[in-house]
Amino acid sequence: MPLPLILGIAAGIAGAAGIGSGISGAVKMKDANDTMESARRRHEECQKKFKRCNEESITAMDSLGETELVILKSFQTFADLIEKIQNRPEFKEIAKNGVSLPKFDPEELKEVSVGAGVLLGGIGGAAAGTAGGFAAAGATTAAVMALGTASTGTAIASLSGAAATNATLAALGGGAIAAGGGGMALGTAILGGATLGVGLLVGGVIFNITGSSLSDKADEAWRQSKKEEEEVNKICGYLIDLTNAAFQYKNTLNKVKAVYDKHIDLMTYFINKLHKQDWNEFDYEQQKTVENAYMLVSILYKMCKVQLVLKGANENEMNKVNTVEIDAVYADADKLLANIA
């Protein structure tokens, strides 16, 4: 065969091989681009889901925290009324129908009320999640701490607004926000770590590199996005549970408070309006009203003391909703309301 023909055939074969290689590379490029695009979409969906769950949880917890502080602040009225009653019996720790309620005195209620008022005056200018943090750590504890002393030696109760709130948070060792937002903060940290790889891989790939290299990068981006999705689902599961718990807890608190408010109105009427301030002059219904009010204050005090969130054992462990204690106080509230009705 003539040499020119042989060379021509050889060139044709080489050209065909080159075209085939080019086609193969193009296919790999397209597959890799499709994979990268899928990883990018998953990443964006994860970001949206986390943001939505996080915001809903913060809103629900802030609402609960503010409700608890309002309830604690209202104890001032009960404390003032109870102190006006002469010859009143000594109300001790109550254990009635299986419900164990804590003992307290009017002075203690006043302190909690003042502390709650201090915090309420500051949360308006505080960051989102602050009031929710108080609920997570136990609003009663936060209210008591609000009467303490800041690290500067200044009495927290003498401060006002956000300064008092910040000092209380400092006194709690950051526990209030960490307890409620810890799961959220932890989630943010985990999410940030997981998505970092996705962001770099999806955003940093140069598409004029070889198909094989791009395919490797795309596969890694896909693995990272899958890991991110798993982490976000786990975090959002916790946040959804916390949101639901906050809504239900607030509803139960409001149900108990509605009954409590009726008793306070009755006490206000016969103590302040009718000027009946001697226990021995109260009729049976009036004495029962005072006793019931005491029990209602006790259960509200106890509910506001519950730490809604249990912190993880370490920084890598998710927080948990304190379902055991929450369910126990629900049972106590139901028994008490049934007994009063």
C-alpha atoms as a PDB file:
ATOM      1  CA  MET A   1       0.000   0.000   0.000  1.00  0.00           C
ATOM      2  CA  PRO A   2       1.418   3.407  -0.911  1.00  0.00           C
ATOM      3  CA  LEU A   3       2.896   5.293   2.015  1.00  0.00           C
ATOM      4  CA  PRO A   4       0.699   8.415   1.542  1.00  0.00           C
ATOM      5  CA  LEU A   5      -2.417   6.215   1.757  1.00  0.00           C
ATOM      6  CA  ILE A   6      -1.136   4.468   4.862  1.00  0.00           C
ATOM      7  CA  LEU A   7      -0.377   7.825   6.459  1.00  0.00           C
ATOM      8  CA  GLY A   8      -3.821   9.086   5.504  1.00  0.00           C
ATOM      9  CA  ILE A   9      -5.544   6.074   7.049  1.00  0.00           C
ATOM     10  CA  ALA A  10      -3.437   6.453  10.197  1.00  0.00           C
ATOM     11  CA  ALA A  11      -4.337  10.141  10.443  1.00  0.00           C
ATOM     12  CA  GLY A  12      -7.999   9.284  10.009  1.00  0.00           C
ATOM     13  CA  ILE A  13      -7.856   6.702  12.770  1.00  0.00           C
ATOM     14  CA  ALA A  14      -6.081   9.153  15.065  1.00  0.00           C
ATOM     15  CA  GLY A  15      -8.620  11.836  14.266  1.00  0.00           C
ATOM     16  CA  ALA A  16     -11.506   9.503  15.002  1.00  0.00           C
ATOM     17  CA  ALA A  17      -9.894   8.578  18.302  1.00  0.00           C
ATOM     18  CA  GLY A  18      -9.496  12.239  19.111  1.00  0.00           C
ATOM     19  CA  ILE A  19     -13.135  12.919  18.312  1.00  0.00           C
ATOM     20  CA  GLY A  20     -14.184   9.953  20.450  1.00  0.00           C
ATOM     21  CA  SER A  21     -12.083  11.187  23.310  1.00  0.00           C
ATOM     22  CA  GLY A  22     -13.550  14.627  22.896  1.00  0.00           C
ATOM     23  CA  ILE A  23     -17.086  13.259  22.919  1.00  0.00           C
ATOM     24  CA  SER A  24     -16.319  11.200  26.010  1.00  0.00           C
ATOM     25  CA  GLY A  25     -14.863  14.243  27.722  1.00  0.00           C
ATOM     26  CA  ALA A  26     -17.886  16.311  26.782  1.00  0.00           C
ATOM     27  CA  VAL A  27     -20.228  13.689  28.187  1.00  0.00           C
ATOM     28  CA  LYS A  28     -18.241  13.633  31.425  1.00  0.00           C
ATOM     29  CA  MET A  29     -18.346  17.423  31.549  1.00  0.00           C
ATOM     30  CA  LYS A  30     -22.116  17.432  31.103  1.00  0.00           C
ATOM     31  CA  ASP A  31     -22.644  14.708  33.705  1.00  0.00           C
ATOM     32  CA  ALA A  32     -20.385  16.522  36.118  1.00  0.00           C
ATOM     33  CA  ASN A  33     -22.183  19.820  35.524  1.00  0.00           C
ATOM     34  CA  ASP A  34     -25.539  18.136  36.132  1.00  0.00           C
ATOM     35  CA  THR A  35     -24.203  16.627  39.348  1.00  0.00           C
ATOM     36  CA  MET A  36     -22.849  19.996  40.471  1.00  0.00           C
ATOM     37  CA  GLU A  37     -26.154  21.680  39.714  1.00  0.00           C
ATOM     38  CA  SER A  38     -28.036  19.052  41.738  1.00  0.00           C
ATOM     39  CA  ALA A  39     -25.618  19.546  44.635  1.00  0.00           C
ATOM     40  CA  ARG A  40     -26.102  23.303  44.416  1.00  0.00           C
ATOM     41  CA  ARG A  41     -29.902  22.992  44.493  1.00  0.00           C
ATOM     42  CA  ARG A  42     -29.753  20.632  47.468  1.00  0.00           C
ATOM     43  CA  HIS A  43     -27.422  23.026  49.262  1.00  0.00           C
ATOM     44  CA  GLU A  44     -29.807  25.952  48.726  1.00  0.00           C
ATOM     45  CA  GLU A  45     -32.811  23.926  49.880  1.00  0.00           C
ATOM     46  CA  CYS A  46     -30.932  22.913  53.021  1.00  0.00           C
ATOM     47  CA  GLN A  47     -30.094  26.539  53.745  1.00  0.00           C
ATOM     48  CA  LYS A  48     -33.727  27.576  53.313  1.00  0.00           C
ATOM     49  CA  LYS A  49     -35.018  24.747  55.488  1.00  0.00           C
ATOM     50  CA  PHE A  50     -32.586  25.468  58.287  1.00  0.00           C
ATOM     51  CA  LYS A  51     -33.322  29.200  58.207  1.00  0.00           C
ATOM     52  CA  ARG A  52     -37.083  28.575  58.334  1.00  0.00           C
ATOM     53  CA  CYS A  53     -36.878  26.081  61.212  1.00  0.00           C
ATOM     54  CA  ASN A  54     -34.465  28.282  63.118  1.00  0.00           C
ATOM     55  CA  GLU A  55     -36.606  31.418  62.785  1.00  0.00           C
ATOM     56  CA  GLU A  56     -39.803  29.573  63.759  1.00  0.00           C
ATOM     57  CA  SER A  57     -38.111  28.097  66.811  1.00  0.00           C
ATOM     58  CA  ILE A  58     -36.724  31.457  67.945  1.00  0.00           C
ATOM     59  CA  THR A  59     -40.102  33.130  67.498  1.00  0.00           C
ATOM     60  CA  ALA A  60     -41.940  30.436  69.473  1.00  0.00           C
ATOM     61  CA  MET A  61     -39.377  30.392  72.279  1.00  0.00           C
ATOM     62  CA  ASP A  62     -39.247  34.185  72.533  1.00  0.00           C
ATOM     63  CA  SER A  63     -43.027  34.280  72.822  1.00  0.00           C
ATOM     64  CA  LEU A  64     -42.947  31.635  75.555  1.00  0.00           C
ATOM     65  CA  GLY A  65     -40.156  33.408  77.416  1.00  0.00           C
ATOM     66  CA  GLU A  66     -42.005  36.710  77.395  1.00  0.00           C
ATOM     67  CA  THR A  67     -45.201  34.994  78.563  1.00  0.00           C
ATOM     68  CA  GLU A  68     -43.348  33.426  81.486  1.00  0.00           C
ATOM     69  CA  LEU A  69     -41.812  36.742  82.492  1.00  0.00           C
ATOM     70  CA  VAL A  70     -45.224  38.456  82.368  1.00  0.00           C
ATOM     71  CA  ILE A  71     -46.644  35.731  84.621  1.00  0.00           C
ATOM     72  CA  LEU A  72     -43.765  36.019  87.076  1.00  0.00           C
ATOM     73  CA  LYS A  73     -44.129  39.799  87.158  1.00  0.00           C
ATOM     74  CA  SER A  74     -47.838  39.436  87.978  1.00  0.00           C
ATOM     75  CA  PHE A  75     -46.994  37.639  91.235  1.00  0.00           C
ATOM     76  CA  GLN A  76     -46.470  41.057  92.814  1.00  0.00           C
ATOM     77  CA  THR A  77     -50.251  41.512  92.919  1.00  0.00           C
ATOM     78  CA  PHE A  78     -50.804  38.194  94.695  1.00  0.00           C
ATOM     79  CA  ALA A  79     -47.982  38.932  97.160  1.00  0.00           C
ATOM     80  CA  ASP A  80     -49.498  42.322  98.013  1.00  0.00           C
ATOM     81  CA  LEU A  81     -52.952  40.823  98.512  1.00  0.00           C
ATOM     82  CA  ILE A  82     -51.791  37.904 100.642  1.00  0.00           C
ATOM     83  CA  GLU A  83     -49.812  40.220 102.939  1.00  0.00           C
ATOM     84  CA  LYS A  84     -52.967  42.189 103.716  1.00  0.00           C
ATOM     85  CA  ILE A  85     -54.703  39.117 105.127  1.00  0.00           C
ATOM     86  CA  GLN A  86     -54.387  39.012 108.901  1.00  0.00           C
ATOM     87  CA  ASN A  87     -54.462  35.750 110.854  1.00  0.00           C
ATOM     88  CA  ARG A  88     -53.959  33.810 107.665  1.00  0.00           C
ATOM     89  CA  PRO A  89     -52.803  30.219 108.012  1.00  0.00           C
ATOM     90  CA  GLU A  90     -49.238  29.312 107.147  1.00  0.00           C
ATOM     91  CA  PHE A  91     -49.315  27.960 103.639  1.00  0.00           C
ATOM     92  CA  LYS A  92     -46.814  25.133 103.471  1.00  0.00           C
ATOM     93  CA  GLU A  93     -45.617  22.961 100.656  1.00  0.00           C
ATOM     94  CA  ILE A  94     -48.680  21.417  99.090  1.00  0.00           C
ATOM     95  CA  ALA A  95     -49.010  17.778  98.091  1.00  0.00           C
ATOM     96  CA  LYS A  96     -52.589  17.325  97.026  1.00  0.00           C
ATOM     97  CA  ASN A  97     -54.085  14.643  94.800  1.00  0.00           C
ATOM     98  CA  GLY A  98     -50.617  13.603  93.709  1.00  0.00           C
ATOM     99  CA  VAL A  99     -49.563  17.174  92.893  1.00  0.00           C
ATOM    100  CA  SER A 100     -46.468  18.430  94.694  1.00  0.00           C
ATOM    101  CA  LEU A 101     -46.214  22.219  94.735  1.00  0.00           C
ATOM    102  CA  PRO A 102     -43.295  24.282  96.063  1.00  0.00           C
ATOM    103  CA  LYS A 103     -43.434  26.427  99.172  1.00  0.00           C
ATOM    104  CA  PHE A 104     -42.722  30.147  98.872  1.00  0.00           C
ATOM    105  CA  ASP A 105     -43.349  33.337 100.803  1.00  0.00           C
ATOM    106  CA  PRO A 106     -44.636  36.750  99.646  1.00  0.00           C
ATOM    107  CA  GLU A 107     -41.173  38.261  99.819  1.00  0.00           C
ATOM    108  CA  GLU A 108     -39.800  35.613  97.500  1.00  0.00           C
ATOM    109  CA  LEU A 109     -42.616  36.251  95.038  1.00  0.00           C
ATOM    110  CA  LYS A 110     -41.867  39.970  95.107  1.00  0.00           C
ATOM    111  CA  GLU A 111     -38.221  39.346  94.296  1.00  0.00           C
ATOM    112  CA  VAL A 112     -39.126  37.111  91.379  1.00  0.00           C
ATOM    113  CA  SER A 113     -41.647  39.693  90.213  1.00  0.00           C
ATOM    114  CA  VAL A 114     -39.098  42.510  90.325  1.00  0.00           C
ATOM    115  CA  GLY A 115     -36.526  40.388  88.522  1.00  0.00           C
ATOM    116  CA  ALA A 116     -39.025  39.497  85.804  1.00  0.00           C
ATOM    117  CA  GLY A 117     -39.879  43.168  85.432  1.00  0.00           C
ATOM    118  CA  VAL A 118     -36.194  44.000  85.005  1.00  0.00           C
ATOM    119  CA  LEU A 119     -35.876  41.442  82.233  1.00  0.00           C
ATOM    120  CA  LEU A 120     -39.108  42.495  80.525  1.00  0.00           C
ATOM    121  CA  GLY A 121     -37.760  46.031  80.433  1.00  0.00           C
ATOM    122  CA  GLY A 122     -34.680  44.875  78.595  1.00  0.00           C
ATOM    123  CA  ILE A 123     -35.767  42.229  76.121  1.00  0.00           C
ATOM    124  CA  GLY A 124     -37.332  44.803  73.815  1.00  0.00           C
ATOM    125  CA  GLY A 125     -33.879  45.945  72.764  1.00  0.00           C
ATOM    126  CA  ALA A 126     -32.231  42.552  73.088  1.00  0.00           C
ATOM    127  CA  ALA A 127     -31.329  40.212  70.275  1.00  0.00           C
ATOM    128  CA  ALA A 128     -33.855  37.710  68.980  1.00  0.00           C
ATOM    129  CA  GLY A 129     -33.671  34.540  71.044  1.00  0.00           C
ATOM    130  CA  THR A 130     -32.943  36.263  74.363  1.00  0.00           C
ATOM    131  CA  ALA A 131     -36.414  35.806  75.874  1.00  0.00           C
ATOM    132  CA  GLY A 132     -36.489  32.286  74.460  1.00  0.00           C
ATOM    133  CA  GLY A 133     -33.191  31.624  76.144  1.00  0.00           C
ATOM    134  CA  PHE A 134     -34.714  32.566  79.493  1.00  0.00           C
ATOM    135  CA  ALA A 135     -37.542  30.085  78.884  1.00  0.00           C
ATOM    136  CA  ALA A 136     -35.086  27.411  77.866  1.00  0.00           C
ATOM    137  CA  ALA A 137     -32.988  27.825  80.999  1.00  0.00           C
ATOM    138  CA  GLY A 138     -35.973  28.436  83.309  1.00  0.00           C
ATOM    139  CA  ALA A 139     -37.518  31.903  83.492  1.00  0.00           C
ATOM    140  CA  THR A 140     -37.795  31.787  87.281  1.00  0.00           C
ATOM    141  CA  THR A 141     -34.062  31.211  87.573  1.00  0.00           C
ATOM    142  CA  ALA A 142     -33.389  34.083  85.178  1.00  0.00           C
ATOM    143  CA  ALA A 143     -35.708  36.378  87.155  1.00  0.00           C
ATOM    144  CA  VAL A 144     -33.920  35.533  90.410  1.00  0.00           C
ATOM    145  CA  MET A 145     -30.556  36.111  88.748  1.00  0.00           C
ATOM    146  CA  ALA A 146     -31.787  39.508  87.549  1.00  0.00           C
ATOM    147  CA  LEU A 147     -31.711  40.633  91.176  1.00  0.00           C
ATOM    148  CA  GLY A 148     -28.100  39.528  91.571  1.00  0.00           C
ATOM    149  CA  THR A 149     -24.876  41.415  91.090  1.00  0.00           C
ATOM    150  CA  ALA A 150     -23.140  41.926  87.776  1.00  0.00           C
ATOM    151  CA  SER A 151     -19.449  41.185  87.363  1.00  0.00           C
ATOM    152  CA  THR A 152     -18.781  44.901  87.873  1.00  0.00           C
ATOM    153  CA  GLY A 153     -20.241  44.719  91.369  1.00  0.00           C
ATOM    154  CA  THR A 154     -23.300  46.713  90.311  1.00  0.00           C
ATOM    155  CA  ALA A 155     -26.674  45.366  91.413  1.00  0.00           C
ATOM    156  CA  ILE A 156     -28.417  44.090  88.306  1.00  0.00           C
ATOM    157  CA  ALA A 157     -31.778  45.284  89.596  1.00  0.00           C
ATOM    158  CA  SER A 158     -30.431  48.832  89.591  1.00  0.00           C
ATOM    159  CA  LEU A 159     -29.710  48.614  85.883  1.00  0.00           C
ATOM    160  CA  SER A 160     -32.345  49.138  83.235  1.00  0.00           C
ATOM    161  CA  GLY A 161     -33.285  47.880  79.813  1.00  0.00           C
ATOM    162  CA  ALA A 162     -30.837  45.876  77.782  1.00  0.00           C
ATOM    163  CA  ALA A 163     -28.054  46.474  80.314  1.00  0.00           C
ATOM    164  CA  ALA A 164     -29.980  44.531  82.944  1.00  0.00           C
ATOM    165  CA  THR A 165     -30.779  41.769  80.474  1.00  0.00           C
ATOM    166  CA  ASN A 166     -27.158  41.488  79.383  1.00  0.00           C
ATOM    167  CA  ALA A 167     -25.949  41.449  82.971  1.00  0.00           C
ATOM    168  CA  THR A 168     -28.407  38.666  83.771  1.00  0.00           C
ATOM    169  CA  LEU A 169     -27.198  36.701  80.779  1.00  0.00           C
ATOM    170  CA  ALA A 170     -23.650  37.159  82.003  1.00  0.00           C
ATOM    171  CA  ALA A 171     -24.659  36.061  85.504  1.00  0.00           C
ATOM    172  CA  LEU A 172     -26.201  32.968  84.012  1.00  0.00           C
ATOM    173  CA  GLY A 173     -22.867  32.307  82.344  1.00  0.00           C
ATOM    174  CA  GLY A 174     -24.470  32.664  78.957  1.00  0.00           C
ATOM    175  CA  GLY A 175     -26.611  29.719  79.972  1.00  0.00           C
ATOM    176  CA  ALA A 176     -29.893  31.294  79.036  1.00  0.00           C
ATOM    177  CA  ILE A 177     -29.031  31.780  75.403  1.00  0.00           C
ATOM    178  CA  ALA A 178     -26.787  28.754  75.239  1.00  0.00           C
ATOM    179  CA  ALA A 179     -29.484  26.507  76.657  1.00  0.00           C
ATOM    180  CA  GLY A 180     -32.160  27.589  74.249  1.00  0.00           C
ATOM    181  CA  GLY A 181     -30.065  28.576  71.329  1.00  0.00           C
ATOM    182  CA  GLY A 182     -27.386  25.988  71.933  1.00  0.00           C
ATOM    183  CA  GLY A 183     -29.086  23.550  69.662  1.00  0.00           C
ATOM    184  CA  MET A 184     -29.529  26.323  67.150  1.00  0.00           C
ATOM    185  CA  ALA A 185     -25.978  27.561  67.566  1.00  0.00           C
ATOM    186  CA  LEU A 186     -24.696  24.021  67.387  1.00  0.00           C
ATOM    187  CA  GLY A 187     -26.817  23.505  64.319  1.00  0.00           C
ATOM    188  CA  THR A 188     -25.374  26.617  62.741  1.00  0.00           C
ATOM    189  CA  ALA A 189     -21.858  25.421  63.470  1.00  0.00           C
ATOM    190  CA  ILE A 190     -22.520  21.977  62.061  1.00  0.00           C
ATOM    191  CA  LEU A 191     -24.284  23.452  59.076  1.00  0.00           C
ATOM    192  CA  GLY A 192     -21.436  25.875  58.500  1.00  0.00           C
ATOM    193  CA  GLY A 193     -18.918  23.054  58.586  1.00  0.00           C
ATOM    194  CA  ALA A 194     -20.960  20.871  56.307  1.00  0.00           C
ATOM    195  CA  THR A 195     -21.768  23.538  53.774  1.00  0.00           C
ATOM    196  CA  LEU A 196     -18.295  24.959  53.607  1.00  0.00           C
ATOM    197  CA  GLY A 197     -17.189  22.102  51.405  1.00  0.00           C
ATOM    198  CA  VAL A 198     -20.306  22.402  49.285  1.00  0.00           C
ATOM    199  CA  GLY A 199     -19.835  26.117  48.804  1.00  0.00           C
ATOM    200  CA  LEU A 200     -16.214  25.763  47.863  1.00  0.00           C
ATOM    201  CA  LEU A 201     -16.833  22.861  45.551  1.00  0.00           C
ATOM    202  CA  VAL A 202     -19.894  24.248  43.858  1.00  0.00           C
ATOM    203  CA  GLY A 203     -18.596  27.777  43.643  1.00  0.00           C
ATOM    204  CA  GLY A 204     -14.924  27.133  43.083  1.00  0.00           C
ATOM    205  CA  VAL A 205     -14.772  24.598  40.256  1.00  0.00           C
ATOM    206  CA  ILE A 206     -13.089  25.763  37.073  1.00  0.00           C
ATOM    207  CA  PHE A 207     -14.938  24.182  34.201  1.00  0.00           C
ATOM    208  CA  ASN A 208     -12.067  24.163  31.703  1.00  0.00           C
ATOM    209  CA  ILE A 209     -10.254  21.412  33.589  1.00  0.00           C
ATOM    210  CA  THR A 210     -10.390  17.861  32.347  1.00  0.00           C
ATOM    211  CA  GLY A 211     -13.613  15.939  32.482  1.00  0.00           C
ATOM    212  CA  SER A 212     -12.238  13.371  34.908  1.00  0.00           C
ATOM    213  CA  SER A 213     -11.061  15.974  37.407  1.00  0.00           C
ATOM    214  CA  LEU A 214     -14.370  17.801  37.174  1.00  0.00           C
ATOM    215  CA  SER A 215     -16.236  14.554  37.673  1.00  0.00           C
ATOM    216  CA  ASP A 216     -14.247  13.886  40.847  1.00  0.00           C
ATOM    217  CA  LYS A 217     -15.049  17.365  42.118  1.00  0.00           C
ATOM    218  CA  ALA A 218     -18.718  16.941  41.277  1.00  0.00           C
ATOM    219  CA  ASP A 219     -18.883  13.624  43.090  1.00  0.00           C
ATOM    220  CA  GLU A 220     -17.319  15.202  46.167  1.00  0.00           C
ATOM    221  CA  ALA A 221     -19.797  18.094  46.041  1.00  0.00           C
ATOM    222  CA  TRP A 222     -22.625  15.572  45.857  1.00  0.00           C
ATOM    223  CA  ARG A 223     -21.305  13.685  48.896  1.00  0.00           C
ATOM    224  CA  GLN A 224     -20.955  16.936  50.813  1.00  0.00           C
ATOM    225  CA  SER A 225     -24.487  18.025  49.951  1.00  0.00           C
ATOM    226  CA  LYS A 226     -25.832  14.654  51.103  1.00  0.00           C
ATOM    227  CA  LYS A 227     -23.979  15.034  54.403  1.00  0.00           C
ATOM    228  CA  GLU A 228     -25.332  18.553  54.745  1.00  0.00           C
ATOM    229  CA  GLU A 229     -28.871  17.338  54.124  1.00  0.00           C
ATOM    230  CA  GLU A 230     -28.544  14.699  56.847  1.00  0.00           C
ATOM    231  CA  GLU A 231     -27.223  17.235  59.354  1.00  0.00           C
ATOM    232  CA  VAL A 232     -29.904  19.791  58.518  1.00  0.00           C
ATOM    233  CA  ASN A 233     -32.661  17.197  58.865  1.00  0.00           C
ATOM    234  CA  LYS A 234     -31.314  16.235  62.283  1.00  0.00           C
ATOM    235  CA  ILE A 235     -31.030  19.839  63.454  1.00  0.00           C
ATOM    236  CA  CYS A 236     -34.427  20.816  62.076  1.00  0.00           C
ATOM    237  CA  GLY A 237     -35.956  17.791  63.786  1.00  0.00           C
ATOM    238  CA  TYR A 238     -34.783  19.186  67.110  1.00  0.00           C
ATOM    239  CA  LEU A 239     -35.891  22.723  66.252  1.00  0.00           C
ATOM    240  CA  ILE A 240     -39.355  21.543  65.177  1.00  0.00           C
ATOM    241  CA  ASP A 241     -39.726  19.586  68.431  1.00  0.00           C
ATOM    242  CA  LEU A 242     -38.661  22.669  70.386  1.00  0.00           C
ATOM    243  CA  THR A 243     -41.085  24.899  68.480  1.00  0.00           C
ATOM    244  CA  ASN A 244     -44.000  22.541  69.132  1.00  0.00           C
ATOM    245  CA  ALA A 245     -43.046  22.215  72.797  1.00  0.00           C
ATOM    246  CA  ALA A 246     -42.894  26.005  73.167  1.00  0.00           C
ATOM    247  CA  PHE A 247     -46.344  26.488  71.631  1.00  0.00           C
ATOM    248  CA  GLN A 248     -47.919  23.790  73.786  1.00  0.00           C
ATOM    249  CA  TYR A 249     -46.179  25.016  76.931  1.00  0.00           C
ATOM    250  CA  LYS A 250     -47.359  28.570  76.329  1.00  0.00           C
ATOM    251  CA  ASN A 251     -50.930  27.365  75.764  1.00  0.00           C
ATOM    252  CA  THR A 252     -50.884  25.394  79.019  1.00  0.00           C
ATOM    253  CA  LEU A 253     -49.444  28.353  80.918  1.00  0.00           C
ATOM    254  CA  ASN A 254     -52.147  30.641  79.540  1.00  0.00           C
ATOM    255  CA  LYS A 255     -54.848  28.126  80.464  1.00  0.00           C
ATOM    256  CA  VAL A 256     -53.636  28.021  84.072  1.00  0.00           C
ATOM    257  CA  LYS A 257     -53.126  31.786  84.184  1.00  0.00           C
ATOM    258  CA  ALA A 258     -56.697  32.413  83.019  1.00  0.00           C
ATOM    259  CA  VAL A 259     -57.981  30.549  86.096  1.00  0.00           C
ATOM    260  CA  TYR A 260     -55.398  32.302  88.271  1.00  0.00           C
ATOM    261  CA  ASP A 261     -56.496  35.737  87.006  1.00  0.00           C
ATOM    262  CA  LYS A 262     -60.121  35.016  87.970  1.00  0.00           C
ATOM    263  CA  HIS A 263     -59.037  34.149  91.502  1.00  0.00           C
ATOM    264  CA  ILE A 264     -56.900  37.290  91.727  1.00  0.00           C
ATOM    265  CA  ASP A 265     -59.864  39.389  90.609  1.00  0.00           C
ATOM    266  CA  LEU A 266     -62.022  37.816  93.334  1.00  0.00           C
ATOM    267  CA  MET A 267     -59.344  38.362  95.976  1.00  0.00           C
ATOM    268  CA  THR A 268     -58.904  41.968  94.878  1.00  0.00           C
ATOM    269  CA  TYR A 269     -62.633  42.535  95.193  1.00  0.00           C
ATOM    270  CA  PHE A 270     -63.215  41.218  98.690  1.00  0.00           C
ATOM    271  CA  ILE A 271     -59.876  42.359 100.129  1.00  0.00           C
ATOM    272  CA  ASN A 272     -59.569  45.823  98.568  1.00  0.00           C
ATOM    273  CA  LYS A 273     -63.172  46.681  97.730  1.00  0.00           C
ATOM    274  CA  LEU A 274     -65.033  45.017 100.582  1.00  0.00           C
ATOM    275  CA  HIS A 275     -62.077  45.576 102.953  1.00  0.00           C
ATOM    276  CA  LYS A 276     -62.267  42.070 104.361  1.00  0.00           C
ATOM    277  CA  GLN A 277     -58.712  41.488 105.507  1.00  0.00           C
ATOM    278  CA  ASP A 278     -59.047  39.052 108.392  1.00  0.00           C
ATOM    279  CA  TRP A 279     -58.943  35.359 107.535  1.00  0.00           C
ATOM    280  CA  ASN A 280     -61.440  34.599 110.288  1.00  0.00           C
ATOM    281  CA  GLU A 281     -63.971  36.921 108.639  1.00  0.00           C
ATOM    282  CA  PHE A 282     -63.733  35.195 105.277  1.00  0.00           C
ATOM    283  CA  ASP A 283     -66.554  32.862 104.365  1.00  0.00           C
ATOM    284  CA  TYR A 284     -65.812  29.389 103.013  1.00  0.00           C
ATOM    285  CA  GLU A 285     -65.772  30.509  99.379  1.00  0.00           C
ATOM    286  CA  GLN A 286     -63.400  33.375 100.087  1.00  0.00           C
ATOM    287  CA  GLN A 287     -61.014  31.146 101.995  1.00  0.00           C
ATOM    288  CA  LYS A 288     -61.197  28.620  99.186  1.00  0.00           C
ATOM    289  CA  THR A 289     -60.422  31.359  96.678  1.00  0.00           C
ATOM    290  CA  VAL A 290     -57.249  32.309  98.557  1.00  0.00           C
ATOM    291  CA  GLU A 291     -56.163  28.687  98.909  1.00  0.00           C
ATOM    292  CA  ASN A 292     -56.774  28.014  95.229  1.00  0.00           C
ATOM    293  CA  ALA A 293     -54.911  31.174  94.249  1.00  0.00           C
ATOM    294  CA  TYR A 294     -51.969  30.003  96.329  1.00  0.00           C
ATOM    295  CA  MET A 295     -51.969  26.650  94.530  1.00  0.00           C
ATOM    296  CA  LEU A 296     -52.259  28.339  91.128  1.00  0.00           C
ATOM    297  CA  VAL A 297     -49.333  30.611  91.917  1.00  0.00           C
ATOM    298  CA  SER A 298     -47.386  27.531  92.999  1.00  0.00           C
ATOM    299  CA  ILE A 299     -47.997  25.634  89.766  1.00  0.00           C
ATOM    300  CA  LEU A 300     -47.236  28.698  87.626  1.00  0.00           C
ATOM    301  CA  TYR A 301     -44.054  29.291  89.624  1.00  0.00           C
ATOM    302  CA  LYS A 302     -43.117  25.654  89.107  1.00  0.00           C
ATOM    303  CA  MET A 303     -43.885  25.752  85.384  1.00  0.00           C
ATOM    304  CA  CYS A 304     -41.807  28.883  84.850  1.00  0.00           C
ATOM    305  CA  LYS A 305     -38.938  27.186  86.650  1.00  0.00           C
ATOM    306  CA  VAL A 306     -38.835  24.232  84.245  1.00  0.00           C
ATOM    307  CA  GLN A 307     -35.766  24.204  82.041  1.00  0.00           C
ATOM    308  CA  LEU A 308     -37.340  23.592  78.653  1.00  0.00           C
ATOM    309  CA  VAL A 309     -34.070  22.538  77.044  1.00  0.00           C
ATOM    310  CA  LEU A 310     -31.432  20.102  78.216  1.00  0.00           C
ATOM    311  CA  LYS A 311     -27.988  21.006  76.959  1.00  0.00           C
ATOM    312  CA  GLY A 312     -25.933  18.403  75.164  1.00  0.00           C
ATOM    313  CA  ALA A 313     -23.193  16.696  77.144  1.00  0.00           C
ATOM    314  CA  ASN A 314     -20.594  18.343  74.921  1.00  0.00           C
ATOM    315  CA  GLU A 315     -20.359  20.851  72.106  1.00  0.00           C
ATOM    316  CA  ASN A 316     -20.831  18.160  69.496  1.00  0.00           C
ATOM    317  CA  GLU A 317     -24.010  16.737  71.004  1.00  0.00           C
ATOM    318  CA  MET A 318     -27.416  18.122  70.136  1.00  0.00           C
ATOM    319  CA  ASN A 319     -29.563  19.692  72.824  1.00  0.00           C
ATOM    320  CA  LYS A 320     -32.789  17.947  73.776  1.00  0.00           C
ATOM    321  CA  VAL A 321     -36.282  19.092  74.673  1.00  0.00           C
ATOM    322  CA  ASN A 322     -36.881  18.345  78.359  1.00  0.00           C
ATOM    323  CA  THR A 323     -39.950  16.212  77.647  1.00  0.00           C
ATOM    324  CA  VAL A 324     -39.862  14.258  80.931  1.00  0.00           C
ATOM    325  CA  GLU A 325     -40.154  17.322  83.156  1.00  0.00           C
ATOM    326  CA  ILE A 326     -42.526  19.054  80.737  1.00  0.00           C
ATOM    327  CA  ASP A 327     -44.920  16.095  80.716  1.00  0.00           C
ATOM    328  CA  ALA A 328     -44.746  15.863  84.524  1.00  0.00           C
ATOM    329  CA  VAL A 329     -45.709  19.500  85.009  1.00  0.00           C
ATOM    330  CA  TYR A 330     -48.509  19.131  82.435  1.00  0.00           C
ATOM    331  CA  ALA A 331     -49.927  16.301  84.530  1.00  0.00           C
ATOM    332  CA  ASP A 332     -49.688  18.426  87.691  1.00  0.00           C
ATOM    333  CA  ALA A 333     -51.431  21.356  85.991  1.00  0.00           C
ATOM    334  CA  ASP A 334     -54.262  19.160  84.727  1.00  0.00           C
ATOM    335  CA  LYS A 335     -54.790  17.562  88.150  1.00  0.00           C
ATOM    336  CA  LEU A 336     -54.771  20.942  89.862  1.00  0.00           C
ATOM    337  CA  LEU A 337     -57.239  22.532  87.457  1.00  0.00           C
ATOM    338  CA  ALA A 338     -59.521  19.506  87.770  1.00  0.00           C
ATOM    339  CA  ASN A 339     -59.372  19.833  91.559  1.00  0.00           C
ATOM    340  CA  ILE A 340     -60.156  23.551  91.476  1.00  0.00           C
ATOM    341  CA  ALA A 341     -62.975  23.318  88.907  1.00  0.00           C
END
